[in-house]
Amino acid sequence: MAILEQPYLDLLKKIMTEGHDKDDRTGTGTRSYFGAQMRFDLTQGFPLLTTKKVPFGLIKSELLWFLRGDTNIRFLLEHNNHIWDEWAFKNWIESAEYQGADMTDFGLRSQSDPKFNQIYQAEMKKFDQRILDDPAFAQKYGNLGDVYGAQWRHWEKRSGGFIDQIANVIKQIKETPDSRRMIVTAWNPEDIPTSALPPCHVMFQFYVVDGKISVQLYQRSGDMFLGVPFNIASYSLLLNMISRETGLEVGEFVHTIGDAHIYRNHFAQVKELLSRTPYDSPKLWLNPAKKHIEDFEMKDIKVLDYKHHGIIKAPVAV
């Protein structure tokens, strides 16, 4: 086996020693490096971090959610995944129908005021339960609009109708594997001004050679400590699933990041992570009976031999 997370660890060190201190949208501040790239040879294992525990269940449920073309958090909540709760909750508490506790400036207050944070978390818990229990409420307030699932599977055409980019790229891989146009994009300039969070994963491109398929992701912005470990595992899983569907061997995941940054309030956590000795990377198991990406369920995807260090908690910059 191999230590596949080494490129990630090397990039963390590079940012800490060579990065530029910058202000950012959240007011937290970052140390940033522009134009970073990591390469992961997926023939050697699966690049799930071992220097801290990464919750793989959240990664696979989110990816299955994207691949379903789903944009409603109900599916995620059914699988105990709360990654996208905040955006839906924001729509609810800013609506005329909301009659609960005052959530003015909730994003900043929930981080700085412990008492308010308790109220905030209690209100969000009630919101999540109502999404699960009330289909009509979920339909109205659980839907996030044009997030990745919609962009990947239901890209809206100006002339009417929709494009299924995932289905199209799989068809291209099978029929014209030497094409340089095997691309899925999530960046629509028309939508950016009204998006709560414009897509960080701007586009990804497939490449086939010698019977192997690789993918490169261009990510405009990467939170190196909290977000990027999820991104590495998610796109490596996606590549393995596309590999299964197309009958090709898996190759490399190439991760290119525009603004690769470490938040200032993550410096201590990064130092702790880098002090740990990584273990061999785990292996990915996909149910051999499943041949198409639409067929996979949670139980069909597992990581084996995942040995890891403990969790390192860090605040989320919103």
Protein backbone atom coordinates (compact mmCIF):
# COMPACT_ATOMS: atom_id res chain seq x y z
CA MET A 1 0.00 0.00 0.00
CA ALA A 2 0.93 3.67 -0.31
CA ILE A 3 0.51 6.95 1.55
CA LEU A 4 -1.65 8.73 -1.02
CA GLU A 5 -2.28 11.82 1.10
CA GLN A 6 1.34 12.96 0.85
CA PRO A 7 0.64 15.54 -1.91
CA TYR A 8 -1.99 17.08 0.36
CA LEU A 9 0.40 17.24 3.32
CA ASP A 10 3.11 18.75 1.11
CA LEU A 11 0.73 21.46 -0.11
CA LEU A 12 -0.28 22.35 3.46
CA LYS A 13 3.40 22.86 4.30
CA LYS A 14 3.94 24.94 1.16
CA ILE A 15 1.03 27.25 1.94
CA MET A 16 2.17 27.73 5.54
CA THR A 17 5.74 28.59 4.50
CA GLU A 18 5.26 30.31 1.11
CA GLY A 19 1.64 31.52 1.15
CA HIS A 20 0.43 35.11 1.22
CA ASP A 21 -1.63 36.49 4.10
CA LYS A 22 -4.88 37.85 2.68
CA ASP A 23 -8.26 39.13 3.82
CA ASP A 24 -11.34 37.25 2.65
CA ARG A 25 -15.13 37.41 2.31
CA THR A 26 -15.74 35.90 5.77
CA GLY A 27 -13.51 38.38 7.63
CA THR A 28 -11.47 35.51 9.10
CA GLY A 29 -8.30 35.98 7.03
CA THR A 30 -6.30 33.33 5.20
CA ARG A 31 -2.83 32.26 4.16
CA SER A 32 -3.21 31.63 0.47
CA TYR A 33 -1.32 30.11 -2.47
CA PHE A 34 -2.50 30.61 -6.07
CA GLY A 35 -2.41 27.87 -8.70
CA ALA A 36 -1.74 24.74 -6.64
CA GLN A 37 -1.93 21.20 -7.95
CA MET A 38 -1.98 17.73 -6.37
CA ARG A 39 -1.89 14.36 -8.15
CA PHE A 40 -3.22 11.11 -6.69
CA ASP A 41 -2.49 7.71 -8.28
CA LEU A 42 -5.71 5.82 -7.60
CA THR A 43 -4.20 2.52 -8.72
CA GLN A 44 -2.38 2.57 -5.35
CA GLY A 45 -5.43 2.96 -3.10
CA PHE A 46 -7.99 5.54 -2.07
CA PRO A 47 -6.82 9.02 -0.90
CA LEU A 48 -8.90 9.37 2.26
CA LEU A 49 -6.85 11.24 4.87
CA THR A 50 -5.42 9.15 7.68
CA THR A 51 -3.80 12.00 9.65
CA LYS A 52 -7.32 12.84 10.83
CA LYS A 53 -10.58 10.92 10.63
CA VAL A 54 -12.67 11.94 7.63
CA PRO A 55 -16.37 10.90 7.73
CA PHE A 56 -16.67 8.91 4.51
CA GLY A 57 -20.43 8.44 4.98
CA LEU A 58 -20.94 12.18 4.42
CA ILE A 59 -18.80 12.10 1.29
CA LYS A 60 -20.63 9.24 -0.39
CA SER A 61 -24.13 10.48 0.52
CA GLU A 62 -23.34 13.93 -0.85
CA LEU A 63 -21.95 12.50 -4.10
CA LEU A 64 -24.97 10.20 -4.55
CA TRP A 65 -27.16 13.28 -3.95
CA PHE A 66 -25.35 15.16 -6.74
CA LEU A 67 -25.56 12.20 -9.12
CA ARG A 68 -29.31 11.87 -8.52
CA GLY A 69 -29.67 15.45 -9.73
CA ASP A 70 -31.24 16.19 -6.37
CA THR A 71 -31.17 19.70 -4.92
CA ASN A 72 -33.34 19.12 -1.84
CA ILE A 73 -31.61 18.47 1.50
CA ARG A 74 -34.24 15.88 2.50
CA PHE A 75 -32.17 13.06 0.93
CA LEU A 76 -29.10 14.21 2.86
CA LEU A 77 -30.98 14.44 6.15
CA GLU A 78 -32.32 10.91 5.62
CA HIS A 79 -28.67 9.83 5.62
CA ASN A 80 -27.68 12.00 8.62
CA ASN A 81 -25.75 14.41 6.41
CA HIS A 82 -25.93 18.05 7.48
CA ILE A 83 -23.33 19.57 5.12
CA TRP A 84 -25.87 21.73 3.26
CA ASP A 85 -28.29 22.52 6.12
CA GLU A 86 -27.14 26.09 6.62
CA TRP A 87 -28.17 27.32 3.17
CA ALA A 88 -31.69 25.89 3.39
CA PHE A 89 -32.09 27.07 6.99
CA LYS A 90 -31.11 30.61 5.93
CA ASN A 91 -33.94 30.63 3.36
CA TRP A 92 -36.39 29.54 6.07
CA ILE A 93 -35.47 32.06 8.78
CA GLU A 94 -35.45 34.91 6.25
CA SER A 95 -38.94 34.02 5.02
CA ALA A 96 -42.16 35.74 6.09
CA GLU A 97 -43.47 32.44 7.45
CA TYR A 98 -40.74 32.04 10.05
CA GLN A 99 -42.00 32.95 13.53
CA GLY A 100 -39.21 31.57 15.73
CA ALA A 101 -36.33 33.20 17.62
CA ASP A 102 -34.72 36.33 16.16
CA MET A 103 -31.98 35.16 13.81
CA THR A 104 -30.71 38.59 12.69
CA ASP A 105 -27.01 38.35 11.75
CA PHE A 106 -27.24 34.66 12.65
CA GLY A 107 -24.06 33.68 10.78
CA LEU A 108 -21.69 35.88 12.82
CA ARG A 109 -23.59 35.71 16.10
CA SER A 110 -23.71 31.90 16.12
CA GLN A 111 -19.89 31.85 16.08
CA SER A 112 -19.23 34.54 18.70
CA ASP A 113 -22.11 34.19 21.18
CA PRO A 114 -22.35 30.77 22.89
CA LYS A 115 -25.88 31.39 24.19
CA PHE A 116 -27.11 32.47 20.78
CA ASN A 117 -25.36 29.48 19.20
CA GLN A 118 -27.43 27.17 21.40
CA ILE A 119 -30.64 28.86 20.21
CA TYR A 120 -29.43 28.76 16.62
CA GLN A 121 -28.63 25.04 16.78
CA ALA A 122 -31.99 24.27 18.44
CA GLU A 123 -33.87 26.16 15.72
CA MET A 124 -31.92 24.38 12.99
CA LYS A 125 -32.63 21.00 14.60
CA LYS A 126 -36.38 21.77 14.55
CA PHE A 127 -36.06 22.87 10.94
CA ASP A 128 -34.30 19.63 9.94
CA GLN A 129 -36.95 17.50 11.65
CA ARG A 130 -39.74 19.36 9.89
CA ILE A 131 -37.99 18.80 6.54
CA LEU A 132 -38.05 15.06 7.28
CA ASP A 133 -41.63 14.99 8.58
CA ASP A 134 -43.43 17.42 6.27
CA PRO A 135 -43.05 16.78 2.50
CA ALA A 136 -44.77 20.05 1.55
CA PHE A 137 -42.47 22.06 3.84
CA ALA A 138 -39.45 20.16 2.47
CA GLN A 139 -40.50 20.94 -1.09
CA LYS A 140 -40.70 24.66 -0.30
CA TYR A 141 -37.75 25.16 2.04
CA GLY A 142 -35.46 22.17 1.51
CA ASN A 143 -34.68 22.99 -2.10
CA LEU A 144 -31.38 24.80 -2.74
CA GLY A 145 -31.88 25.67 -6.39
CA ASP A 146 -29.10 25.35 -8.96
CA VAL A 147 -26.44 23.61 -6.87
CA TYR A 148 -24.23 20.84 -8.25
CA GLY A 149 -26.94 18.21 -8.76
CA ALA A 150 -28.92 20.54 -11.01
CA GLN A 151 -25.84 21.75 -12.87
CA TRP A 152 -24.51 18.25 -13.50
CA ARG A 153 -27.78 16.53 -14.44
CA HIS A 154 -30.25 19.29 -15.43
CA TRP A 155 -28.34 22.22 -16.94
CA GLU A 156 -31.02 24.59 -18.24
CA LYS A 157 -30.70 25.57 -21.91
CA ARG A 158 -31.53 29.06 -23.16
CA SER A 159 -33.62 27.49 -25.93
CA GLY A 160 -35.57 25.39 -23.45
CA GLY A 161 -34.98 21.91 -22.12
CA PHE A 162 -32.07 20.54 -20.15
CA ILE A 163 -28.63 18.96 -20.59
CA ASP A 164 -27.52 15.93 -18.55
CA GLN A 165 -23.78 16.61 -18.47
CA ILE A 166 -22.95 13.39 -16.60
CA ALA A 167 -24.81 11.18 -19.08
CA ASN A 168 -23.23 13.09 -21.98
CA VAL A 169 -19.68 12.76 -20.67
CA ILE A 170 -20.10 9.01 -20.03
CA LYS A 171 -21.32 8.64 -23.62
CA GLN A 172 -18.28 10.59 -24.86
CA ILE A 173 -15.88 8.45 -22.81
CA LYS A 174 -17.33 5.28 -24.35
CA GLU A 175 -17.60 6.53 -27.93
CA THR A 176 -14.81 9.14 -28.37
CA PRO A 177 -12.27 8.48 -25.58
CA ASP A 178 -9.60 10.65 -27.24
CA SER A 179 -11.84 13.73 -27.14
CA ARG A 180 -10.52 16.83 -25.37
CA ARG A 181 -14.08 17.98 -24.69
CA MET A 182 -15.06 15.49 -21.98
CA ILE A 183 -15.94 18.25 -19.52
CA VAL A 184 -18.60 18.87 -16.88
CA THR A 185 -19.00 22.50 -15.83
CA ALA A 186 -20.83 24.08 -12.91
CA TRP A 187 -19.96 27.74 -13.56
CA ASN A 188 -22.77 29.71 -15.16
CA PRO A 189 -21.95 33.45 -15.24
CA GLU A 190 -25.66 34.32 -15.44
CA ASP A 191 -26.33 32.68 -12.05
CA ILE A 192 -23.32 33.96 -10.11
CA PRO A 193 -24.73 37.33 -8.94
CA THR A 194 -27.76 35.66 -7.32
CA SER A 195 -26.00 32.57 -5.92
CA ALA A 196 -25.64 32.25 -2.14
CA LEU A 197 -22.36 30.42 -2.74
CA PRO A 198 -21.10 30.33 -6.34
CA PRO A 199 -19.70 26.89 -7.28
CA CYS A 200 -16.24 26.20 -5.89
CA HIS A 201 -15.83 23.16 -8.16
CA VAL A 202 -15.88 25.05 -11.43
CA MET A 203 -15.31 22.18 -13.87
CA PHE A 204 -13.80 18.73 -14.29
CA GLN A 205 -12.34 17.00 -17.34
CA PHE A 206 -11.77 13.33 -18.13
CA TYR A 207 -8.75 11.88 -19.93
CA VAL A 208 -8.39 8.35 -21.31
CA VAL A 209 -5.10 6.68 -22.23
CA ASP A 210 -3.82 3.09 -22.22
CA GLY A 211 -7.16 1.76 -21.00
CA LYS A 212 -7.18 4.03 -17.93
CA ILE A 213 -9.41 6.97 -17.13
CA SER A 214 -8.27 10.01 -15.15
CA VAL A 215 -10.02 13.21 -14.10
CA GLN A 216 -8.83 16.73 -13.35
CA LEU A 217 -10.88 19.08 -11.18
CA TYR A 218 -10.44 22.83 -11.34
CA GLN A 219 -11.54 24.31 -8.01
CA ARG A 220 -11.59 28.11 -7.84
CA SER A 221 -11.33 28.21 -4.03
CA GLY A 222 -10.25 25.54 -1.56
CA ASP A 223 -10.48 25.54 2.25
CA MET A 224 -7.46 23.30 2.69
CA PHE A 225 -8.14 22.04 6.21
CA LEU A 226 -11.89 21.41 6.23
CA GLY A 227 -13.12 21.26 2.65
CA VAL A 228 -10.33 19.94 0.45
CA PRO A 229 -10.02 16.50 2.15
CA PHE A 230 -13.71 15.97 1.30
CA ASN A 231 -13.16 17.14 -2.28
CA ILE A 232 -10.23 14.78 -2.81
CA ALA A 233 -12.24 11.79 -1.63
CA SER A 234 -15.43 12.80 -3.45
CA TYR A 235 -13.87 13.20 -6.89
CA SER A 236 -11.76 10.08 -6.42
CA LEU A 237 -14.98 8.20 -5.67
CA LEU A 238 -16.68 9.74 -8.70
CA LEU A 239 -13.79 8.65 -10.92
CA ASN A 240 -14.03 5.10 -9.62
CA MET A 241 -17.77 5.03 -10.34
CA ILE A 242 -17.29 6.41 -13.87
CA SER A 243 -14.51 3.85 -14.34
CA ARG A 244 -16.96 1.08 -13.42
CA GLU A 245 -19.61 2.38 -15.84
CA THR A 246 -17.21 2.77 -18.79
CA GLY A 247 -15.25 -0.45 -18.27
CA LEU A 248 -11.91 1.37 -18.00
CA GLU A 249 -9.25 1.02 -15.31
CA VAL A 250 -8.96 3.88 -12.86
CA GLY A 251 -6.03 6.25 -13.31
CA GLU A 252 -5.20 9.59 -11.61
CA PHE A 253 -7.18 12.26 -9.83
CA VAL A 254 -5.55 15.61 -10.56
CA HIS A 255 -6.69 18.41 -8.26
CA THR A 256 -5.96 21.96 -9.42
CA ILE A 257 -6.93 24.78 -7.05
CA GLY A 258 -7.01 28.49 -7.86
CA ASP A 259 -6.94 30.02 -4.37
CA ALA A 260 -5.74 27.26 -2.02
CA HIS A 261 -5.99 28.70 1.47
CA ILE A 262 -5.71 27.94 5.16
CA TYR A 263 -7.88 30.08 7.43
CA ARG A 264 -6.01 31.87 10.22
CA ASN A 265 -8.12 30.11 12.85
CA HIS A 266 -7.02 26.75 11.41
CA PHE A 267 -3.26 27.28 11.78
CA ALA A 268 -3.02 25.36 15.07
CA GLN A 269 -5.04 22.47 13.64
CA VAL A 270 -2.82 22.30 10.55
CA LYS A 271 0.27 22.22 12.78
CA GLU A 272 -1.21 19.33 14.76
CA LEU A 273 -2.13 17.45 11.58
CA LEU A 274 1.37 17.84 10.13
CA SER A 275 2.89 16.51 13.34
CA ARG A 276 1.15 13.17 12.82
CA THR A 277 2.60 10.23 10.90
CA PRO A 278 0.23 9.12 8.11
CA TYR A 279 -0.87 5.51 7.71
CA ASP A 280 -1.21 3.56 4.49
CA SER A 281 -4.26 4.71 2.53
CA PRO A 282 -7.40 2.57 2.61
CA LYS A 283 -8.96 0.72 -0.31
CA LEU A 284 -12.27 1.51 -1.99
CA TRP A 285 -14.89 -1.24 -2.39
CA LEU A 286 -17.70 -0.85 -4.91
CA ASN A 287 -20.37 -3.53 -5.12
CA PRO A 288 -19.27 -5.64 -8.13
CA ALA A 289 -22.92 -6.25 -9.07
CA LYS A 290 -23.45 -2.54 -9.79
CA LYS A 291 -22.40 -1.33 -13.24
CA HIS A 292 -24.08 2.07 -13.62
CA ILE A 293 -23.73 5.18 -11.46
CA GLU A 294 -27.52 5.44 -11.03
CA ASP A 295 -27.61 1.96 -9.46
CA PHE A 296 -25.34 2.71 -6.50
CA GLU A 297 -26.77 3.09 -3.00
CA MET A 298 -25.00 3.86 0.26
CA LYS A 299 -24.49 0.17 1.07
CA ASP A 300 -22.71 -0.38 -2.28
CA ILE A 301 -19.77 1.89 -1.41
CA LYS A 302 -17.25 1.25 1.39
CA VAL A 303 -13.67 1.96 2.38
CA LEU A 304 -11.68 -1.01 3.67
CA ASP A 305 -8.67 -1.05 6.00
CA TYR A 306 -9.15 2.58 7.01
CA LYS A 307 -6.67 3.23 9.83
CA HIS A 308 -6.61 6.86 10.96
CA HIS A 309 -5.71 9.32 13.69
CA GLY A 310 -8.43 11.14 15.67
CA ILE A 311 -10.71 13.96 14.62
CA ILE A 312 -9.35 17.52 14.69
CA LYS A 313 -12.15 20.06 15.11
CA ALA A 314 -12.02 23.48 13.48
CA PRO A 315 -14.55 26.32 13.04
CA VAL A 316 -16.24 26.80 9.70
CA ALA A 317 -15.86 30.24 8.10
CA VAL A 318 -19.23 31.29 6.65
